[in-house]
Amino acid sequence: MTRTLQLGNADNWQQIFNTSVAAVTLNSTAYVPIPEITAPLLLETHVLATYITTNIPEGRKWNFAGFLNQKFELGLTVGGTPEADNLTRRKLWLNRIQLIILPKLTANYAISFDVPEWFKNVNVTLWQYVGVDYDSTEQALSADVMPALTRIESKIDAL
């Protein structure tokens, strides 16, 4: 059983988040690192793409861009604030579009980005996949389970 996505079609992608963030400069040699960047969205699709850029100092070779965090609410409240937890954490790379396929454990979730503390600026772009997402395993289960449920319901109704 397989999952079918049409990733190569540009019409199947929708840009949902784009931001540029700079570290706060304290003086000529010190700055406050960029804090966690949270996309102000609740997402339902579990197929995303990211693109991260930064200004790399001359003579340096950086590849690592930080992490993408998938967060969800636990339904618990501590001190009046709803708690959230990282479901998935994915390593990101600079200057390349990266496909992220997240597990479908929750109906919706939030995304945040942690960038390295040595970044003085960062540009983050996030797309969601809006094309056909066909999973033959889910379809086969639906085809097998739904008739059985209907049959069970009719037997219960007959009682």
N, C-alpha and C. Protein backbone atom coordinates (compact mmCIF):
# COMPACT_ATOMS: atom_id res chain seq x y z
N MET A 1 0.85 -1.17 0.00
CA MET A 1 0.00 0.00 0.00
C MET A 1 0.90 1.24 0.00
N THR A 2 0.51 2.25 -0.75
CA THR A 2 1.38 3.41 -0.91
C THR A 2 0.62 4.72 -0.74
N ARG A 3 1.39 5.76 -0.55
CA ARG A 3 0.86 7.12 -0.47
C ARG A 3 1.27 7.84 -1.74
N THR A 4 0.32 8.50 -2.40
CA THR A 4 0.59 9.19 -3.65
C THR A 4 0.44 10.69 -3.46
N LEU A 5 1.51 11.43 -3.77
CA LEU A 5 1.52 12.89 -3.72
C LEU A 5 2.03 13.41 -5.06
N GLN A 6 1.53 14.54 -5.50
CA GLN A 6 2.00 15.17 -6.73
C GLN A 6 2.88 16.36 -6.36
N LEU A 7 4.07 16.06 -5.87
CA LEU A 7 4.96 17.09 -5.33
C LEU A 7 5.55 17.99 -6.39
N GLY A 8 5.71 17.51 -7.61
CA GLY A 8 6.37 18.27 -8.67
C GLY A 8 5.51 19.33 -9.32
N ASN A 9 4.25 19.44 -8.95
CA ASN A 9 3.34 20.43 -9.54
C ASN A 9 3.32 21.68 -8.65
N ALA A 10 3.80 22.80 -9.17
CA ALA A 10 3.88 24.04 -8.39
C ALA A 10 2.50 24.51 -7.91
N ASP A 11 1.44 24.17 -8.64
CA ASP A 11 0.09 24.56 -8.23
C ASP A 11 -0.36 23.85 -6.95
N ASN A 12 0.34 22.80 -6.56
CA ASN A 12 -0.02 22.03 -5.37
C ASN A 12 0.63 22.58 -4.10
N TRP A 13 1.32 23.71 -4.20
CA TRP A 13 1.99 24.30 -3.05
C TRP A 13 1.46 25.70 -2.79
N GLN A 14 1.24 26.02 -1.52
CA GLN A 14 0.75 27.34 -1.13
C GLN A 14 1.69 27.89 -0.05
N GLN A 15 2.25 29.07 -0.32
CA GLN A 15 3.11 29.70 0.70
C GLN A 15 2.23 30.19 1.83
N ILE A 16 2.57 29.80 3.06
CA ILE A 16 1.73 30.15 4.20
C ILE A 16 2.46 30.98 5.25
N PHE A 17 3.78 31.08 5.14
CA PHE A 17 4.54 31.84 6.13
C PHE A 17 5.85 32.29 5.52
N ASN A 18 6.17 33.56 5.72
CA ASN A 18 7.43 34.12 5.24
C ASN A 18 7.83 35.23 6.20
N THR A 19 9.01 35.12 6.77
CA THR A 19 9.43 36.15 7.72
C THR A 19 10.94 36.33 7.66
N SER A 20 11.37 37.51 8.03
CA SER A 20 12.80 37.82 8.20
C SER A 20 12.98 38.33 9.63
N VAL A 21 13.95 37.77 10.33
CA VAL A 21 14.18 38.14 11.73
C VAL A 21 15.67 38.44 11.90
N ALA A 22 15.97 39.51 12.63
CA ALA A 22 17.36 39.87 12.92
C ALA A 22 17.62 39.78 14.41
N ALA A 23 18.83 39.38 14.76
CA ALA A 23 19.24 39.37 16.17
C ALA A 23 19.35 40.82 16.65
N VAL A 24 19.11 41.04 17.92
CA VAL A 24 19.23 42.37 18.51
C VAL A 24 20.70 42.64 18.81
N THR A 25 21.23 43.73 18.23
CA THR A 25 22.63 44.09 18.43
C THR A 25 22.78 44.88 19.73
N LEU A 26 23.70 44.43 20.60
CA LEU A 26 23.96 45.13 21.87
C LEU A 26 25.09 46.14 21.71
N ASN A 27 26.14 45.74 21.01
CA ASN A 27 27.26 46.64 20.68
C ASN A 27 27.96 46.04 19.46
N SER A 28 29.14 46.52 19.13
CA SER A 28 29.80 46.08 17.89
C SER A 28 30.22 44.61 17.93
N THR A 29 30.29 44.00 19.10
CA THR A 29 30.73 42.60 19.19
C THR A 29 29.72 41.67 19.84
N ALA A 30 28.63 42.20 20.36
CA ALA A 30 27.67 41.35 21.08
C ALA A 30 26.25 41.55 20.54
N TYR A 31 25.49 40.48 20.57
CA TYR A 31 24.09 40.54 20.15
C TYR A 31 23.29 39.47 20.89
N VAL A 32 21.98 39.67 20.93
CA VAL A 32 21.07 38.70 21.54
C VAL A 32 20.65 37.72 20.45
N PRO A 33 20.84 36.41 20.65
CA PRO A 33 20.47 35.44 19.61
C PRO A 33 18.98 35.52 19.25
N ILE A 34 18.67 35.10 18.05
CA ILE A 34 17.29 35.09 17.56
C ILE A 34 16.49 34.07 18.37
N PRO A 35 15.36 34.50 18.96
CA PRO A 35 14.55 33.55 19.73
C PRO A 35 13.78 32.60 18.79
N GLU A 36 13.13 31.62 19.38
CA GLU A 36 12.30 30.69 18.62
C GLU A 36 11.30 31.48 17.77
N ILE A 37 11.17 31.12 16.51
CA ILE A 37 10.25 31.78 15.58
C ILE A 37 9.02 30.90 15.45
N THR A 38 7.87 31.43 15.84
CA THR A 38 6.63 30.66 15.78
C THR A 38 5.76 31.18 14.64
N ALA A 39 5.35 30.27 13.76
CA ALA A 39 4.41 30.64 12.69
C ALA A 39 3.03 30.78 13.33
N PRO A 40 2.36 31.92 13.14
CA PRO A 40 1.07 32.16 13.81
C PRO A 40 -0.09 31.45 13.10
N LEU A 41 0.03 30.14 12.96
CA LEU A 41 -0.95 29.35 12.20
C LEU A 41 -1.23 28.04 12.91
N LEU A 42 -2.42 27.50 12.69
CA LEU A 42 -2.70 26.11 13.02
C LEU A 42 -2.79 25.38 11.69
N LEU A 43 -1.99 24.37 11.52
CA LEU A 43 -1.92 23.64 10.25
C LEU A 43 -2.69 22.34 10.33
N GLU A 44 -3.24 21.92 9.19
CA GLU A 44 -3.94 20.64 9.10
C GLU A 44 -3.25 19.69 8.14
N THR A 45 -2.55 20.23 7.15
CA THR A 45 -1.83 19.37 6.21
C THR A 45 -0.51 18.95 6.85
N HIS A 46 -0.09 17.73 6.56
CA HIS A 46 1.12 17.19 7.18
C HIS A 46 2.29 17.10 6.21
N VAL A 47 2.16 17.77 5.06
CA VAL A 47 3.23 17.81 4.06
C VAL A 47 3.61 19.27 3.86
N LEU A 48 4.86 19.60 4.19
CA LEU A 48 5.34 20.98 4.14
C LEU A 48 6.66 21.05 3.39
N ALA A 49 7.04 22.27 3.03
CA ALA A 49 8.37 22.52 2.48
C ALA A 49 8.89 23.80 3.13
N THR A 50 10.19 23.84 3.40
CA THR A 50 10.80 25.02 4.02
C THR A 50 12.00 25.47 3.21
N TYR A 51 12.32 26.75 3.36
CA TYR A 51 13.52 27.32 2.75
C TYR A 51 14.07 28.33 3.74
N ILE A 52 15.32 28.16 4.15
CA ILE A 52 15.96 29.01 5.16
C ILE A 52 17.22 29.62 4.56
N THR A 53 17.39 30.94 4.74
CA THR A 53 18.61 31.61 4.31
C THR A 53 19.11 32.53 5.43
N THR A 54 20.39 32.84 5.38
CA THR A 54 21.01 33.79 6.30
C THR A 54 22.23 34.38 5.60
N ASN A 55 22.73 35.49 6.11
CA ASN A 55 23.98 36.06 5.60
C ASN A 55 25.14 35.32 6.26
N ILE A 56 25.93 34.64 5.46
CA ILE A 56 27.06 33.88 5.97
C ILE A 56 28.31 34.75 5.91
N PRO A 57 29.02 34.92 7.03
CA PRO A 57 30.22 35.75 7.02
C PRO A 57 31.26 35.22 6.03
N GLU A 58 32.03 36.14 5.47
CA GLU A 58 33.07 35.76 4.51
C GLU A 58 34.07 34.81 5.17
N GLY A 59 34.43 33.77 4.44
CA GLY A 59 35.37 32.78 4.95
C GLY A 59 34.73 31.66 5.74
N ARG A 60 33.43 31.74 5.96
CA ARG A 60 32.72 30.69 6.71
C ARG A 60 31.92 29.82 5.76
N LYS A 61 31.70 28.57 6.16
CA LYS A 61 30.86 27.67 5.38
C LYS A 61 29.83 27.06 6.33
N TRP A 62 28.60 27.56 6.25
CA TRP A 62 27.53 27.07 7.10
C TRP A 62 26.54 26.28 6.27
N ASN A 63 26.07 25.17 6.79
CA ASN A 63 25.03 24.37 6.14
C ASN A 63 23.81 24.20 7.03
N PHE A 64 24.03 24.11 8.33
CA PHE A 64 22.96 23.86 9.30
C PHE A 64 22.10 25.10 9.48
N ALA A 65 20.77 24.93 9.41
CA ALA A 65 19.86 26.06 9.53
C ALA A 65 19.00 26.00 10.79
N GLY A 66 19.12 24.96 11.58
CA GLY A 66 18.32 24.86 12.80
C GLY A 66 17.33 23.72 12.74
N PHE A 67 16.19 23.92 13.43
CA PHE A 67 15.18 22.87 13.53
C PHE A 67 13.78 23.41 13.27
N LEU A 68 12.94 22.58 12.67
CA LEU A 68 11.51 22.82 12.58
C LEU A 68 10.87 21.96 13.67
N ASN A 69 9.98 22.56 14.46
CA ASN A 69 9.31 21.85 15.54
C ASN A 69 7.82 21.76 15.25
N GLN A 70 7.26 20.57 15.32
CA GLN A 70 5.82 20.38 15.22
C GLN A 70 5.28 20.33 16.65
N LYS A 71 4.35 21.23 16.97
CA LYS A 71 3.84 21.32 18.34
C LYS A 71 2.34 21.07 18.35
N PHE A 72 1.87 20.47 19.43
CA PHE A 72 0.44 20.23 19.58
C PHE A 72 0.05 20.45 21.03
N GLU A 73 -1.24 20.71 21.25
CA GLU A 73 -1.74 20.93 22.59
C GLU A 73 -2.03 19.59 23.25
N LEU A 74 -1.65 19.47 24.50
CA LEU A 74 -1.89 18.25 25.26
C LEU A 74 -3.28 18.22 25.88
N GLY A 75 -3.95 19.37 25.95
CA GLY A 75 -5.25 19.43 26.60
C GLY A 75 -5.14 19.65 28.10
N LEU A 76 -3.94 19.87 28.58
CA LEU A 76 -3.71 20.12 30.00
C LEU A 76 -3.45 21.60 30.22
N THR A 77 -3.78 22.08 31.41
CA THR A 77 -3.52 23.47 31.74
C THR A 77 -2.71 23.54 33.02
N VAL A 78 -1.62 24.29 32.98
CA VAL A 78 -0.78 24.49 34.17
C VAL A 78 -0.63 25.99 34.36
N GLY A 79 -1.07 26.48 35.51
CA GLY A 79 -0.95 27.91 35.79
C GLY A 79 -1.79 28.76 34.86
N GLY A 80 -2.88 28.22 34.33
CA GLY A 80 -3.78 28.97 33.46
C GLY A 80 -3.36 29.01 32.00
N THR A 81 -2.22 28.40 31.66
CA THR A 81 -1.73 28.40 30.29
C THR A 81 -1.81 26.99 29.71
N PRO A 82 -2.43 26.82 28.53
CA PRO A 82 -2.46 25.49 27.92
C PRO A 82 -1.04 25.04 27.57
N GLU A 83 -0.75 23.80 27.87
CA GLU A 83 0.56 23.24 27.60
C GLU A 83 0.63 22.70 26.17
N ALA A 84 1.80 22.80 25.57
CA ALA A 84 2.03 22.24 24.24
C ALA A 84 3.33 21.45 24.29
N ASP A 85 3.46 20.51 23.41
CA ASP A 85 4.66 19.69 23.39
C ASP A 85 5.15 19.53 21.96
N ASN A 86 6.45 19.28 21.81
CA ASN A 86 7.01 19.00 20.50
C ASN A 86 6.67 17.57 20.12
N LEU A 87 5.99 17.41 19.01
CA LEU A 87 5.67 16.09 18.51
C LEU A 87 6.82 15.59 17.65
N THR A 88 7.33 16.48 16.81
CA THR A 88 8.40 16.12 15.88
C THR A 88 9.38 17.29 15.80
N ARG A 89 10.66 16.97 15.66
CA ARG A 89 11.71 17.98 15.49
C ARG A 89 12.55 17.54 14.31
N ARG A 90 12.62 18.39 13.27
CA ARG A 90 13.36 18.04 12.05
C ARG A 90 14.51 19.01 11.83
N LYS A 91 15.67 18.45 11.48
CA LYS A 91 16.85 19.26 11.18
C LYS A 91 16.65 19.94 9.83
N LEU A 92 17.06 21.22 9.74
CA LEU A 92 16.92 22.00 8.51
C LEU A 92 18.29 22.40 7.99
N TRP A 93 18.36 22.63 6.67
CA TRP A 93 19.61 23.00 6.01
C TRP A 93 19.45 24.33 5.30
N LEU A 94 20.54 25.08 5.20
CA LEU A 94 20.54 26.39 4.55
C LEU A 94 20.46 26.28 3.04
N ASN A 95 19.79 27.26 2.45
CA ASN A 95 19.78 27.49 1.00
C ASN A 95 19.30 26.31 0.17
N ARG A 96 18.36 25.55 0.71
CA ARG A 96 17.74 24.49 -0.09
C ARG A 96 16.29 24.30 0.36
N ILE A 97 15.44 24.04 -0.61
CA ILE A 97 14.05 23.72 -0.28
C ILE A 97 14.04 22.31 0.28
N GLN A 98 13.43 22.16 1.43
CA GLN A 98 13.43 20.87 2.12
C GLN A 98 12.00 20.38 2.32
N LEU A 99 11.73 19.17 1.87
CA LEU A 99 10.43 18.53 2.04
C LEU A 99 10.34 17.97 3.45
N ILE A 100 9.22 18.27 4.13
CA ILE A 100 8.98 17.76 5.48
C ILE A 100 7.63 17.04 5.46
N ILE A 101 7.64 15.75 5.74
CA ILE A 101 6.39 14.98 5.87
C ILE A 101 6.27 14.59 7.33
N LEU A 102 5.26 15.15 7.99
CA LEU A 102 5.07 14.96 9.43
C LEU A 102 4.06 13.85 9.70
N PRO A 103 4.18 13.20 10.85
CA PRO A 103 3.22 12.13 11.19
C PRO A 103 1.83 12.70 11.45
N LYS A 104 0.80 11.96 11.07
CA LYS A 104 -0.59 12.39 11.25
C LYS A 104 -1.12 11.90 12.60
N LEU A 105 -0.60 12.45 13.68
CA LEU A 105 -1.04 12.03 15.01
C LEU A 105 -2.07 12.97 15.61
N THR A 106 -2.19 14.17 15.06
CA THR A 106 -3.17 15.14 15.52
C THR A 106 -3.85 15.77 14.32
N ALA A 107 -5.08 16.28 14.53
CA ALA A 107 -5.81 16.91 13.43
C ALA A 107 -5.16 18.23 13.02
N ASN A 108 -4.70 19.00 14.01
CA ASN A 108 -4.00 20.25 13.68
C ASN A 108 -2.85 20.45 14.66
N TYR A 109 -1.95 21.32 14.27
CA TYR A 109 -0.72 21.51 15.03
C TYR A 109 -0.13 22.86 14.67
N ALA A 110 0.88 23.27 15.41
CA ALA A 110 1.60 24.52 15.14
C ALA A 110 3.04 24.19 14.76
N ILE A 111 3.71 25.17 14.17
CA ILE A 111 5.10 25.01 13.73
C ILE A 111 5.93 26.14 14.33
N SER A 112 7.14 25.79 14.76
CA SER A 112 8.10 26.82 15.16
C SER A 112 9.47 26.45 14.60
N PHE A 113 10.36 27.42 14.59
CA PHE A 113 11.72 27.24 14.07
C PHE A 113 12.72 27.68 15.12
N ASP A 114 13.73 26.86 15.36
CA ASP A 114 14.88 27.23 16.19
C ASP A 114 16.07 27.36 15.27
N VAL A 115 16.69 28.56 15.25
CA VAL A 115 17.86 28.76 14.40
C VAL A 115 19.11 28.81 15.28
N PRO A 116 20.28 28.52 14.73
CA PRO A 116 21.51 28.54 15.52
C PRO A 116 21.75 29.91 16.15
N GLU A 117 22.35 29.90 17.34
CA GLU A 117 22.55 31.16 18.07
C GLU A 117 23.56 32.08 17.39
N TRP A 118 24.34 31.57 16.46
CA TRP A 118 25.33 32.42 15.78
C TRP A 118 24.72 33.17 14.58
N PHE A 119 23.47 32.87 14.21
CA PHE A 119 22.82 33.60 13.12
C PHE A 119 22.53 35.03 13.58
N LYS A 120 22.92 36.00 12.75
CA LYS A 120 22.59 37.40 13.05
C LYS A 120 21.31 37.82 12.34
N ASN A 121 20.89 37.04 11.34
CA ASN A 121 19.61 37.28 10.66
C ASN A 121 19.19 35.97 10.01
N VAL A 122 17.90 35.86 9.71
CA VAL A 122 17.39 34.65 9.07
C VAL A 122 16.14 34.99 8.27
N ASN A 123 15.99 34.33 7.15
CA ASN A 123 14.77 34.41 6.34
C ASN A 123 14.17 33.00 6.30
N VAL A 124 12.90 32.90 6.65
CA VAL A 124 12.21 31.61 6.71
C VAL A 124 10.99 31.66 5.81
N THR A 125 10.87 30.66 4.93
CA THR A 125 9.68 30.52 4.08
C THR A 125 9.12 29.12 4.30
N LEU A 126 7.79 29.04 4.42
CA LEU A 126 7.11 27.76 4.65
C LEU A 126 5.95 27.63 3.67
N TRP A 127 5.88 26.48 3.02
CA TRP A 127 4.78 26.16 2.11
C TRP A 127 4.04 24.94 2.65
N GLN A 128 2.74 24.86 2.34
CA GLN A 128 1.99 23.64 2.64
C GLN A 128 1.54 23.01 1.33
N TYR A 129 1.48 21.70 1.33
CA TYR A 129 1.03 20.94 0.16
C TYR A 129 -0.49 20.94 0.16
N VAL A 130 -1.09 21.35 -0.96
CA VAL A 130 -2.55 21.42 -1.07
C VAL A 130 -3.08 20.52 -2.17
N GLY A 131 -2.22 19.69 -2.73
CA GLY A 131 -2.63 18.80 -3.82
C GLY A 131 -3.23 17.50 -3.32
N VAL A 132 -3.39 16.57 -4.23
CA VAL A 132 -3.95 15.26 -3.93
C VAL A 132 -3.02 14.51 -2.97
N ASP A 133 -3.61 13.98 -1.91
CA ASP A 133 -2.87 13.19 -0.93
C ASP A 133 -3.64 11.88 -0.75
N TYR A 134 -3.29 10.91 -1.56
CA TYR A 134 -4.01 9.63 -1.59
C TYR A 134 -3.18 8.56 -0.89
N ASP A 135 -3.75 7.98 0.13
CA ASP A 135 -3.09 6.90 0.86
C ASP A 135 -3.90 5.62 0.66
N SER A 136 -3.36 4.68 -0.10
CA SER A 136 -4.10 3.46 -0.41
C SER A 136 -4.36 2.62 0.83
N THR A 137 -3.52 2.74 1.85
CA THR A 137 -3.75 2.00 3.09
C THR A 137 -5.00 2.50 3.79
N GLU A 138 -5.14 3.83 3.89
CA GLU A 138 -6.33 4.41 4.50
C GLU A 138 -7.57 4.06 3.70
N GLN A 139 -7.46 4.11 2.38
CA GLN A 139 -8.60 3.78 1.52
C GLN A 139 -9.02 2.32 1.69
N ALA A 140 -8.04 1.43 1.78
CA ALA A 140 -8.34 0.00 1.94
C ALA A 140 -9.01 -0.25 3.29
N LEU A 141 -8.51 0.41 4.34
CA LEU A 141 -9.14 0.26 5.66
C LEU A 141 -10.57 0.77 5.64
N SER A 142 -10.78 1.92 5.00
CA SER A 142 -12.13 2.47 4.90
C SER A 142 -13.05 1.51 4.16
N ALA A 143 -12.55 0.94 3.08
CA ALA A 143 -13.36 0.02 2.28
C ALA A 143 -13.71 -1.24 3.07
N ASP A 144 -12.81 -1.69 3.94
CA ASP A 144 -13.06 -2.90 4.74
C ASP A 144 -13.87 -2.61 5.99
N VAL A 145 -13.58 -1.51 6.66
CA VAL A 145 -14.19 -1.23 7.95
C VAL A 145 -15.60 -0.67 7.82
N MET A 146 -15.83 0.23 6.89
CA MET A 146 -17.14 0.88 6.77
C MET A 146 -18.28 -0.12 6.54
N PRO A 147 -18.14 -1.08 5.62
CA PRO A 147 -19.23 -2.06 5.47
C PRO A 147 -19.47 -2.88 6.74
N ALA A 148 -18.39 -3.21 7.44
CA ALA A 148 -18.53 -3.98 8.68
C ALA A 148 -19.26 -3.15 9.74
N LEU A 149 -18.95 -1.87 9.84
CA LEU A 149 -19.63 -1.01 10.80
C LEU A 149 -21.11 -0.87 10.46
N THR A 150 -21.40 -0.73 9.19
CA THR A 150 -22.79 -0.63 8.75
C THR A 150 -23.55 -1.90 9.12
N ARG A 151 -22.93 -3.04 8.91
CA ARG A 151 -23.54 -4.33 9.22
C ARG A 151 -23.78 -4.44 10.74
N ILE A 152 -22.80 -4.02 11.54
CA ILE A 152 -22.94 -4.08 13.00
C ILE A 152 -24.05 -3.15 13.47
N GLU A 153 -24.11 -1.93 12.90
CA GLU A 153 -25.16 -0.98 13.26
C GLU A 153 -26.54 -1.55 12.96
N SER A 154 -26.67 -2.19 11.81
CA SER A 154 -27.99 -2.75 11.44
C SER A 154 -28.38 -3.88 12.39
N LYS A 155 -27.41 -4.67 12.85
CA LYS A 155 -27.71 -5.74 13.80
C LYS A 155 -28.12 -5.16 15.16
N ILE A 156 -27.46 -4.08 15.57
CA ILE A 156 -27.81 -3.43 16.83
C ILE A 156 -29.21 -2.83 16.73
N ASP A 157 -29.49 -2.19 15.61
CA ASP A 157 -30.81 -1.59 15.41
C ASP A 157 -31.90 -2.66 15.42
N ALA A 158 -31.59 -3.86 14.95
CA ALA A 158 -32.58 -4.95 14.89
C ALA A 158 -32.88 -5.51 16.28
N LEU A 159 -32.00 -5.27 17.24
CA LEU A 159 -32.22 -5.80 18.60
C LEU A 159 -33.32 -5.12 19.30
